[in-house]
Amino acid sequence: MRLPAPLVSTAWLAQHLGEVVVVDASYYLSDAGRDPAAEYAREHIPGAVFWDLDALSDPDTDLPHMMPVPEWLARVVGELGISDRDVVVVYDTSGIHYSAPRVWWMLRALGHEAVAVLDGGLGKWRSEGRAVESGIVRRQPAHYEPTPRSAAFRSLQEVRAVLPGGVQVLDARSRGRFEGTEAEPRPGVRGGHIPGSRNLPYPNLVGPGGTLKPPEELERLFRDAGIDLKEPVITTCGSGVTACALILGLEVLGHRDHAVYDGSWSEWGGRTDTPVATSPES
């Protein structure tokens, strides 16, 4: 089966539903007042397993949503019933590609090439009158052999080493959080951004119907944000989740030299020894 990665349409998934592993990767911050696991149990694409982003992140750090060591993640992914040979399609229920790209990128970091994001997620699937089911899907455990791609993520030390100006850094948070005029959702985290970084709020990449905007519009958005698409990019956000939505957009445009700063602003803004800027031009 040829997977039209990194995005697949609802029509494509409907045609291949019995041939792929579907993953519901929905996640929300606590102040959203939503329970993605309960929502999954009430309604999901037939056969989909649920990926708990908190539970499947690094258990050995206080930072949120950090990429675990590959061997640990491979084991728990296998317990979900996903093997390294499976074709995987990931979706979420946000309507703006909020958390599905993070799980897609985590699998890509394990070396999984046959993985894609469902464009439009569950919302588009339901709007087309396609079947859903309730309950919890439990697949037979599978063996997952990782072939890790260390270049998929960057550490604090690696980001420090390329600043200032050594590589383009693009922040997926809102303009208010980027400029420090909007409160951070996590206590003890300063407002502002990494000096020299640029801002492209991740919801801007999605059109009114919940699908990614056409490539020509995506290219304009990245260029208007000050990004040279011929040069490397490190993406960042609050906790490394929506930074992956920017990676998804870059991949659609054929850009390949990119990585996620995994600690993102939870790490950078939560420290006292990292410089912070608030002016849009700094």
C-alpha atoms as a PDB file:
ATOM      1  CA  MET A   1       0.000   0.000   0.000  1.00  0.00           C
ATOM      2  CA  ARG A   2       1.333   3.426  -0.924  1.00  0.00           C
ATOM      3  CA  LEU A   3       0.768   5.899   1.892  1.00  0.00           C
ATOM      4  CA  PRO A   4       0.354   9.486   0.666  1.00  0.00           C
ATOM      5  CA  ALA A   5       2.261  10.758   3.704  1.00  0.00           C
ATOM      6  CA  PRO A   6       2.349  12.986   5.647  1.00  0.00           C
ATOM      7  CA  LEU A   7      -1.392  13.635   5.179  1.00  0.00           C
ATOM      8  CA  VAL A   8      -4.222  11.344   4.157  1.00  0.00           C
ATOM      9  CA  SER A   9      -7.773  12.355   3.342  1.00  0.00           C
ATOM     10  CA  THR A  10     -10.890  10.944   4.960  1.00  0.00           C
ATOM     11  CA  ALA A  11     -11.780   9.361   1.611  1.00  0.00           C
ATOM     12  CA  TRP A  12      -8.419   7.581   1.520  1.00  0.00           C
ATOM     13  CA  LEU A  13      -8.819   6.303   5.073  1.00  0.00           C
ATOM     14  CA  ALA A  14     -12.358   5.079   4.395  1.00  0.00           C
ATOM     15  CA  GLN A  15     -11.042   3.101   1.427  1.00  0.00           C
ATOM     16  CA  HIS A  16      -8.198   1.533   3.444  1.00  0.00           C
ATOM     17  CA  LEU A  17      -9.739   1.368   6.917  1.00  0.00           C
ATOM     18  CA  GLY A  18      -9.221  -2.376   7.337  1.00  0.00           C
ATOM     19  CA  GLU A  19      -5.609  -2.215   6.191  1.00  0.00           C
ATOM     20  CA  VAL A  20      -4.187   0.376   8.598  1.00  0.00           C
ATOM     21  CA  VAL A  21      -3.892   0.998  12.319  1.00  0.00           C
ATOM     22  CA  VAL A  22      -5.873   4.090  13.300  1.00  0.00           C
ATOM     23  CA  VAL A  23      -4.813   6.093  16.362  1.00  0.00           C
ATOM     24  CA  ASP A  24      -6.912   8.665  18.219  1.00  0.00           C
ATOM     25  CA  ALA A  25      -4.286  11.054  19.607  1.00  0.00           C
ATOM     26  CA  SER A  26      -6.639  13.675  21.025  1.00  0.00           C
ATOM     27  CA  TYR A  27      -5.274  15.797  23.862  1.00  0.00           C
ATOM     28  CA  TYR A  28      -6.274  19.054  25.563  1.00  0.00           C
ATOM     29  CA  LEU A  29      -4.820  21.295  28.237  1.00  0.00           C
ATOM     30  CA  SER A  30      -6.617  20.968  31.576  1.00  0.00           C
ATOM     31  CA  ASP A  31      -8.273  24.378  31.282  1.00  0.00           C
ATOM     32  CA  ALA A  32     -10.158  23.199  28.174  1.00  0.00           C
ATOM     33  CA  GLY A  33     -12.457  21.171  30.418  1.00  0.00           C
ATOM     34  CA  ARG A  34     -12.395  18.162  28.105  1.00  0.00           C
ATOM     35  CA  ASP A  35     -11.572  14.515  28.727  1.00  0.00           C
ATOM     36  CA  PRO A  36     -10.145  13.074  25.505  1.00  0.00           C
ATOM     37  CA  ALA A  37     -10.116   9.491  26.817  1.00  0.00           C
ATOM     38  CA  ALA A  38     -13.811   9.688  27.716  1.00  0.00           C
ATOM     39  CA  GLU A  39     -14.617  11.321  24.382  1.00  0.00           C
ATOM     40  CA  TYR A  40     -12.740   8.522  22.618  1.00  0.00           C
ATOM     41  CA  ALA A  41     -14.732   5.881  24.518  1.00  0.00           C
ATOM     42  CA  ARG A  42     -17.977   7.556  23.440  1.00  0.00           C
ATOM     43  CA  GLU A  43     -17.061   7.952  19.793  1.00  0.00           C
ATOM     44  CA  HIS A  44     -14.107   7.169  17.552  1.00  0.00           C
ATOM     45  CA  ILE A  45     -13.253   5.975  14.071  1.00  0.00           C
ATOM     46  CA  PRO A  46     -13.871   2.215  13.887  1.00  0.00           C
ATOM     47  CA  GLY A  47     -10.877   0.225  15.098  1.00  0.00           C
ATOM     48  CA  ALA A  48      -8.990   3.235  16.470  1.00  0.00           C
ATOM     49  CA  VAL A  49      -6.823   2.813  19.565  1.00  0.00           C
ATOM     50  CA  PHE A  50      -6.317   5.673  22.003  1.00  0.00           C
ATOM     51  CA  TRP A  51      -2.874   7.235  22.490  1.00  0.00           C
ATOM     52  CA  ASP A  52      -2.666   8.908  25.905  1.00  0.00           C
ATOM     53  CA  LEU A  53      -0.149  11.671  25.259  1.00  0.00           C
ATOM     54  CA  ASP A  54       0.612  12.235  28.941  1.00  0.00           C
ATOM     55  CA  ALA A  55       1.092   8.525  29.675  1.00  0.00           C
ATOM     56  CA  LEU A  56       3.191   7.921  26.553  1.00  0.00           C
ATOM     57  CA  SER A  57       5.597  10.789  27.194  1.00  0.00           C
ATOM     58  CA  ASP A  58       8.892  10.578  29.095  1.00  0.00           C
ATOM     59  CA  PRO A  59       8.081   9.401  32.636  1.00  0.00           C
ATOM     60  CA  ASP A  60      11.487  10.452  33.970  1.00  0.00           C
ATOM     61  CA  THR A  61      11.203  14.235  33.665  1.00  0.00           C
ATOM     62  CA  ASP A  62       9.033  16.968  35.161  1.00  0.00           C
ATOM     63  CA  LEU A  63       8.782  18.663  31.756  1.00  0.00           C
ATOM     64  CA  PRO A  64       5.517  17.957  29.921  1.00  0.00           C
ATOM     65  CA  HIS A  65       5.303  15.755  26.823  1.00  0.00           C
ATOM     66  CA  MET A  66       8.985  15.038  26.368  1.00  0.00           C
ATOM     67  CA  MET A  67       9.979  12.330  23.892  1.00  0.00           C
ATOM     68  CA  PRO A  68      10.801   9.140  25.838  1.00  0.00           C
ATOM     69  CA  VAL A  69      13.836   6.993  25.184  1.00  0.00           C
ATOM     70  CA  PRO A  70      13.124   4.978  22.010  1.00  0.00           C
ATOM     71  CA  GLU A  71      13.253   1.540  23.662  1.00  0.00           C
ATOM     72  CA  TRP A  72      10.644   2.489  26.272  1.00  0.00           C
ATOM     73  CA  LEU A  73       8.340   4.106  23.723  1.00  0.00           C
ATOM     74  CA  ALA A  74       8.700   1.178  21.319  1.00  0.00           C
ATOM     75  CA  ARG A  75       7.599  -1.192  24.084  1.00  0.00           C
ATOM     76  CA  VAL A  76       4.466   0.765  25.002  1.00  0.00           C
ATOM     77  CA  VAL A  77       3.589   1.350  21.338  1.00  0.00           C
ATOM     78  CA  GLY A  78       3.828  -2.400  20.842  1.00  0.00           C
ATOM     79  CA  GLU A  79       1.487  -2.866  23.814  1.00  0.00           C
ATOM     80  CA  LEU A  80      -1.047  -0.711  21.950  1.00  0.00           C
ATOM     81  CA  GLY A  81      -0.941  -3.284  19.166  1.00  0.00           C
ATOM     82  CA  ILE A  82       1.193  -1.280  16.742  1.00  0.00           C
ATOM     83  CA  SER A  83       4.187  -2.893  15.062  1.00  0.00           C
ATOM     84  CA  ASP A  84       6.966  -1.179  13.151  1.00  0.00           C
ATOM     85  CA  ARG A  85       5.575  -2.787   9.971  1.00  0.00           C
ATOM     86  CA  ASP A  86       2.074  -1.332  10.303  1.00  0.00           C
ATOM     87  CA  VAL A  87       0.686   1.550   8.283  1.00  0.00           C
ATOM     88  CA  VAL A  88      -0.556   4.060  10.864  1.00  0.00           C
ATOM     89  CA  VAL A  89      -3.001   6.958  10.523  1.00  0.00           C
ATOM     90  CA  VAL A  90      -3.254   9.421  13.427  1.00  0.00           C
ATOM     91  CA  TYR A  91      -6.088  11.864  14.094  1.00  0.00           C
ATOM     92  CA  ASP A  92      -7.414  14.137  16.813  1.00  0.00           C
ATOM     93  CA  THR A  93     -10.694  15.854  17.600  1.00  0.00           C
ATOM     94  CA  SER A  94      -9.459  19.452  17.782  1.00  0.00           C
ATOM     95  CA  GLY A  95     -10.345  20.553  14.258  1.00  0.00           C
ATOM     96  CA  ILE A  96      -6.986  22.373  14.064  1.00  0.00           C
ATOM     97  CA  HIS A  97      -4.416  19.539  14.002  1.00  0.00           C
ATOM     98  CA  TYR A  98      -3.517  20.140  17.643  1.00  0.00           C
ATOM     99  CA  SER A  99      -2.078  16.874  18.968  1.00  0.00           C
ATOM    100  CA  ALA A 100      -2.151  14.356  16.092  1.00  0.00           C
ATOM    101  CA  PRO A 101       1.009  15.842  14.526  1.00  0.00           C
ATOM    102  CA  ARG A 102       2.879  15.285  17.810  1.00  0.00           C
ATOM    103  CA  VAL A 103       2.122  11.554  17.811  1.00  0.00           C
ATOM    104  CA  TRP A 104       2.901  11.383  14.090  1.00  0.00           C
ATOM    105  CA  TRP A 105       6.295  13.004  14.763  1.00  0.00           C
ATOM    106  CA  MET A 106       7.005  10.748  17.751  1.00  0.00           C
ATOM    107  CA  LEU A 107       6.497   7.711  15.517  1.00  0.00           C
ATOM    108  CA  ARG A 108       8.632   9.299  12.821  1.00  0.00           C
ATOM    109  CA  ALA A 109      11.341   9.777  15.458  1.00  0.00           C
ATOM    110  CA  LEU A 110      11.173   6.030  16.111  1.00  0.00           C
ATOM    111  CA  GLY A 111      11.928   5.519  12.420  1.00  0.00           C
ATOM    112  CA  HIS A 112       8.346   4.780  11.396  1.00  0.00           C
ATOM    113  CA  GLU A 113       7.917   6.058   7.840  1.00  0.00           C
ATOM    114  CA  ALA A 114       4.469   4.578   7.111  1.00  0.00           C
ATOM    115  CA  VAL A 115       2.562   7.027   9.307  1.00  0.00           C
ATOM    116  CA  ALA A 116       0.327   9.954   8.359  1.00  0.00           C
ATOM    117  CA  VAL A 117      -2.078  12.464   9.887  1.00  0.00           C
ATOM    118  CA  LEU A 118      -5.759  12.318   8.961  1.00  0.00           C
ATOM    119  CA  ASP A 119      -6.516  15.711   7.428  1.00  0.00           C
ATOM    120  CA  GLY A 120      -9.519  17.234   9.183  1.00  0.00           C
ATOM    121  CA  GLY A 121      -9.540  14.643  11.952  1.00  0.00           C
ATOM    122  CA  LEU A 122     -12.667  13.194  13.465  1.00  0.00           C
ATOM    123  CA  GLY A 123     -14.665  16.338  12.739  1.00  0.00           C
ATOM    124  CA  LYS A 124     -14.330  15.994   8.985  1.00  0.00           C
ATOM    125  CA  TRP A 125     -14.901  12.228   9.200  1.00  0.00           C
ATOM    126  CA  ARG A 126     -18.191  12.751  11.060  1.00  0.00           C
ATOM    127  CA  SER A 127     -19.313  15.658   8.847  1.00  0.00           C
ATOM    128  CA  GLU A 128     -19.220  13.281   5.894  1.00  0.00           C
ATOM    129  CA  GLY A 129     -21.531  10.829   7.621  1.00  0.00           C
ATOM    130  CA  ARG A 130     -18.889   8.151   8.038  1.00  0.00           C
ATOM    131  CA  ALA A 131     -19.212   5.386  10.627  1.00  0.00           C
ATOM    132  CA  VAL A 132     -18.034   5.784  14.210  1.00  0.00           C
ATOM    133  CA  GLU A 133     -18.088   3.381  17.145  1.00  0.00           C
ATOM    134  CA  SER A 134     -17.970   3.500  20.930  1.00  0.00           C
ATOM    135  CA  GLY A 135     -16.044   1.513  23.506  1.00  0.00           C
ATOM    136  CA  ILE A 136     -12.337   0.868  23.904  1.00  0.00           C
ATOM    137  CA  VAL A 137     -10.373  -0.967  21.234  1.00  0.00           C
ATOM    138  CA  ARG A 138      -7.709  -3.373  22.485  1.00  0.00           C
ATOM    139  CA  ARG A 139      -5.461  -4.804  19.814  1.00  0.00           C
ATOM    140  CA  GLN A 140      -3.210  -7.786  20.268  1.00  0.00           C
ATOM    141  CA  PRO A 141       0.240  -6.671  21.499  1.00  0.00           C
ATOM    142  CA  ALA A 142       2.803  -6.417  18.730  1.00  0.00           C
ATOM    143  CA  HIS A 143       6.573  -6.253  18.443  1.00  0.00           C
ATOM    144  CA  TYR A 144       7.959  -2.823  17.637  1.00  0.00           C
ATOM    145  CA  GLU A 145      11.583  -2.569  16.555  1.00  0.00           C
ATOM    146  CA  PRO A 146      12.649   1.106  16.588  1.00  0.00           C
ATOM    147  CA  THR A 147      15.225   2.654  14.275  1.00  0.00           C
ATOM    148  CA  PRO A 148      15.551   6.000  16.081  1.00  0.00           C
ATOM    149  CA  ARG A 149      16.095   9.308  14.295  1.00  0.00           C
ATOM    150  CA  SER A 150      17.915  11.467  16.836  1.00  0.00           C
ATOM    151  CA  ALA A 151      17.731  14.457  14.495  1.00  0.00           C
ATOM    152  CA  ALA A 152      13.948  14.713  14.954  1.00  0.00           C
ATOM    153  CA  PHE A 153      14.304  16.548  18.285  1.00  0.00           C
ATOM    154  CA  ARG A 154      16.651  19.164  19.698  1.00  0.00           C
ATOM    155  CA  SER A 155      17.647  19.643  23.344  1.00  0.00           C
ATOM    156  CA  LEU A 156      18.100  22.868  25.290  1.00  0.00           C
ATOM    157  CA  GLN A 157      21.858  22.588  24.854  1.00  0.00           C
ATOM    158  CA  GLU A 158      21.539  22.116  21.104  1.00  0.00           C
ATOM    159  CA  VAL A 159      19.257  25.145  20.757  1.00  0.00           C
ATOM    160  CA  ARG A 160      21.607  27.244  22.868  1.00  0.00           C
ATOM    161  CA  ALA A 161      24.492  26.196  20.613  1.00  0.00           C
ATOM    162  CA  VAL A 162      22.877  27.594  17.450  1.00  0.00           C
ATOM    163  CA  LEU A 163      21.750  30.922  18.925  1.00  0.00           C
ATOM    164  CA  PRO A 164      21.761  33.663  17.988  1.00  0.00           C
ATOM    165  CA  GLY A 165      21.154  33.348  14.280  1.00  0.00           C
ATOM    166  CA  GLY A 166      22.707  29.930  13.724  1.00  0.00           C
ATOM    167  CA  VAL A 167      19.417  28.406  12.659  1.00  0.00           C
ATOM    168  CA  GLN A 168      15.844  29.599  12.186  1.00  0.00           C
ATOM    169  CA  VAL A 169      13.602  29.044  15.230  1.00  0.00           C
ATOM    170  CA  LEU A 170       9.841  29.176  14.672  1.00  0.00           C
ATOM    171  CA  ASP A 171       7.363  29.393  17.562  1.00  0.00           C
ATOM    172  CA  ALA A 172       3.847  27.907  17.179  1.00  0.00           C
ATOM    173  CA  ARG A 173       2.277  29.702  20.170  1.00  0.00           C
ATOM    174  CA  SER A 174      -0.197  32.556  19.961  1.00  0.00           C
ATOM    175  CA  ARG A 175       1.086  36.055  19.256  1.00  0.00           C
ATOM    176  CA  GLY A 176       0.182  37.139  22.799  1.00  0.00           C
ATOM    177  CA  ARG A 177       2.203  34.372  24.421  1.00  0.00           C
ATOM    178  CA  PHE A 178       5.082  35.010  22.018  1.00  0.00           C
ATOM    179  CA  GLU A 179       5.166  38.696  22.951  1.00  0.00           C
ATOM    180  CA  GLY A 180       4.565  38.090  26.654  1.00  0.00           C
ATOM    181  CA  THR A 181       1.243  39.946  26.761  1.00  0.00           C
ATOM    182  CA  GLU A 182      -0.800  36.778  27.366  1.00  0.00           C
ATOM    183  CA  ALA A 183      -0.319  34.650  30.479  1.00  0.00           C
ATOM    184  CA  GLU A 184       1.353  31.287  30.131  1.00  0.00           C
ATOM    185  CA  PRO A 185      -0.893  28.328  31.029  1.00  0.00           C
ATOM    186  CA  ARG A 186       1.785  26.707  33.191  1.00  0.00           C
ATOM    187  CA  PRO A 187       2.710  28.290  36.548  1.00  0.00           C
ATOM    188  CA  GLY A 188       6.203  29.610  36.992  1.00  0.00           C
ATOM    189  CA  VAL A 189       6.841  30.042  33.259  1.00  0.00           C
ATOM    190  CA  ARG A 190       7.858  33.513  32.053  1.00  0.00           C
ATOM    191  CA  GLY A 191       6.230  35.222  29.099  1.00  0.00           C
ATOM    192  CA  GLY A 192       8.031  35.990  25.839  1.00  0.00           C
ATOM    193  CA  HIS A 193      10.087  34.002  23.370  1.00  0.00           C
ATOM    194  CA  ILE A 194      13.540  32.721  22.486  1.00  0.00           C
ATOM    195  CA  PRO A 195      15.552  35.709  21.223  1.00  0.00           C
ATOM    196  CA  GLY A 196      15.703  35.765  17.444  1.00  0.00           C
ATOM    197  CA  SER A 197      12.825  33.342  16.986  1.00  0.00           C
ATOM    198  CA  ARG A 198       9.873  33.961  14.682  1.00  0.00           C
ATOM    199  CA  ASN A 199       6.175  33.379  15.280  1.00  0.00           C
ATOM    200  CA  LEU A 200       3.600  31.410  13.288  1.00  0.00           C
ATOM    201  CA  PRO A 201       0.602  30.381  15.426  1.00  0.00           C
ATOM    202  CA  TYR A 202      -0.198  26.812  14.439  1.00  0.00           C
ATOM    203  CA  PRO A 203      -3.996  27.313  13.929  1.00  0.00           C
ATOM    204  CA  ASN A 204      -3.145  29.640  11.018  1.00  0.00           C
ATOM    205  CA  LEU A 205      -2.131  26.593   8.979  1.00  0.00           C
ATOM    206  CA  VAL A 206      -5.681  25.204   9.001  1.00  0.00           C
ATOM    207  CA  GLY A 207      -8.627  26.341   6.902  1.00  0.00           C
ATOM    208  CA  PRO A 208     -12.270  26.775   8.002  1.00  0.00           C
ATOM    209  CA  GLY A 209     -13.069  23.113   7.310  1.00  0.00           C
ATOM    210  CA  GLY A 210     -10.340  21.845   9.628  1.00  0.00           C
ATOM    211  CA  THR A 211      -8.002  20.706   6.861  1.00  0.00           C
ATOM    212  CA  LEU A 212      -4.529  21.998   6.142  1.00  0.00           C
ATOM    213  CA  LYS A 213      -4.437  24.992   3.822  1.00  0.00           C
ATOM    214  CA  PRO A 214      -3.196  24.476   0.221  1.00  0.00           C
ATOM    215  CA  PRO A 215       0.593  24.395  -0.238  1.00  0.00           C
ATOM    216  CA  GLU A 216       0.735  27.825  -1.841  1.00  0.00           C
ATOM    217  CA  GLU A 217      -0.984  29.351   1.207  1.00  0.00           C
ATOM    218  CA  LEU A 218       1.261  27.435   3.600  1.00  0.00           C
ATOM    219  CA  GLU A 219       4.330  28.665   1.768  1.00  0.00           C
ATOM    220  CA  ARG A 220       3.121  32.258   2.043  1.00  0.00           C
ATOM    221  CA  LEU A 221       2.489  31.852   5.788  1.00  0.00           C
ATOM    222  CA  PHE A 222       5.994  30.554   6.436  1.00  0.00           C
ATOM    223  CA  ARG A 223       7.594  33.233   4.292  1.00  0.00           C
ATOM    224  CA  ASP A 224       5.506  35.994   5.932  1.00  0.00           C
ATOM    225  CA  ALA A 225       6.745  34.709   9.287  1.00  0.00           C
ATOM    226  CA  GLY A 226      10.296  35.336   8.057  1.00  0.00           C
ATOM    227  CA  ILE A 227      11.244  31.729   7.337  1.00  0.00           C
ATOM    228  CA  ASP A 228      13.562  30.852   4.457  1.00  0.00           C
ATOM    229  CA  LEU A 229      12.301  27.464   3.303  1.00  0.00           C
ATOM    230  CA  LYS A 230      15.694  26.606   1.849  1.00  0.00           C
ATOM    231  CA  GLU A 231      17.309  26.721   5.301  1.00  0.00           C
ATOM    232  CA  PRO A 232      17.018  24.520   8.451  1.00  0.00           C
ATOM    233  CA  VAL A 233      14.222  25.198  10.946  1.00  0.00           C
ATOM    234  CA  ILE A 234      13.752  24.322  14.615  1.00  0.00           C
ATOM    235  CA  THR A 235      10.148  24.576  15.783  1.00  0.00           C
ATOM    236  CA  THR A 236       9.003  25.276  19.328  1.00  0.00           C
ATOM    237  CA  CYS A 237       5.784  25.919  21.255  1.00  0.00           C
ATOM    238  CA  GLY A 238       4.613  25.482  24.861  1.00  0.00           C
ATOM    239  CA  SER A 239       5.516  21.833  25.429  1.00  0.00           C
ATOM    240  CA  GLY A 240       6.600  20.459  22.052  1.00  0.00           C
ATOM    241  CA  VAL A 241       3.104  19.436  20.914  1.00  0.00           C
ATOM    242  CA  THR A 242       1.907  22.116  18.497  1.00  0.00           C
ATOM    243  CA  ALA A 243       5.482  22.661  17.296  1.00  0.00           C
ATOM    244  CA  CYS A 244       4.840  19.406  15.425  1.00  0.00           C
ATOM    245  CA  ALA A 245       1.934  21.020  13.559  1.00  0.00           C
ATOM    246  CA  LEU A 246       4.488  23.391  12.030  1.00  0.00           C
ATOM    247  CA  ILE A 247       6.665  20.375  11.171  1.00  0.00           C
ATOM    248  CA  LEU A 248       3.661  18.845   9.402  1.00  0.00           C
ATOM    249  CA  GLY A 249       3.250  22.001   7.327  1.00  0.00           C
ATOM    250  CA  LEU A 250       6.950  22.035   6.462  1.00  0.00           C
ATOM    251  CA  GLU A 251       6.814  18.383   5.397  1.00  0.00           C
ATOM    252  CA  VAL A 252       3.844  19.058   3.125  1.00  0.00           C
ATOM    253  CA  LEU A 253       5.946  21.756   1.453  1.00  0.00           C
ATOM    254  CA  GLY A 254       8.813  19.316   0.898  1.00  0.00           C
ATOM    255  CA  HIS A 255      11.035  20.888   3.557  1.00  0.00           C
ATOM    256  CA  ARG A 256      13.091  18.155   5.240  1.00  0.00           C
ATOM    257  CA  ASP A 257      15.748  19.876   7.362  1.00  0.00           C
ATOM    258  CA  HIS A 258      13.769  20.511  10.529  1.00  0.00           C
ATOM    259  CA  ALA A 259      13.473  19.415  14.158  1.00  0.00           C
ATOM    260  CA  VAL A 260      11.402  20.124  17.273  1.00  0.00           C
ATOM    261  CA  TYR A 261      12.879  21.754  20.369  1.00  0.00           C
ATOM    262  CA  ASP A 262      11.388  19.185  22.709  1.00  0.00           C
ATOM    263  CA  GLY A 263      11.507  21.138  25.979  1.00  0.00           C
ATOM    264  CA  SER A 264      10.020  24.164  24.192  1.00  0.00           C
ATOM    265  CA  TRP A 265       8.806  27.120  26.245  1.00  0.00           C
ATOM    266  CA  SER A 266       7.990  25.023  29.325  1.00  0.00           C
ATOM    267  CA  GLU A 267      11.727  24.450  29.650  1.00  0.00           C
ATOM    268  CA  TRP A 268      13.133  27.694  28.239  1.00  0.00           C
ATOM    269  CA  GLY A 269      10.646  30.030  29.933  1.00  0.00           C
ATOM    270  CA  GLY A 270      10.665  28.007  33.132  1.00  0.00           C
ATOM    271  CA  ARG A 271      14.390  28.547  33.747  1.00  0.00           C
ATOM    272  CA  THR A 272      16.177  31.618  35.103  1.00  0.00           C
ATOM    273  CA  ASP A 273      19.370  31.245  33.050  1.00  0.00           C
ATOM    274  CA  THR A 274      17.825  31.529  29.572  1.00  0.00           C
ATOM    275  CA  PRO A 275      17.384  34.885  27.807  1.00  0.00           C
ATOM    276  CA  VAL A 276      13.849  35.995  27.000  1.00  0.00           C
ATOM    277  CA  ALA A 277      12.639  38.521  24.427  1.00  0.00           C
ATOM    278  CA  THR A 278       9.204  40.143  24.155  1.00  0.00           C
ATOM    279  CA  SER A 279       9.545  42.484  21.191  1.00  0.00           C
ATOM    280  CA  PRO A 280       8.329  40.875  17.916  1.00  0.00           C
ATOM    281  CA  GLU A 281      11.568  41.917  16.237  1.00  0.00           C
ATOM    282  CA  SER A 282      13.953  40.571  18.901  1.00  0.00           C
END
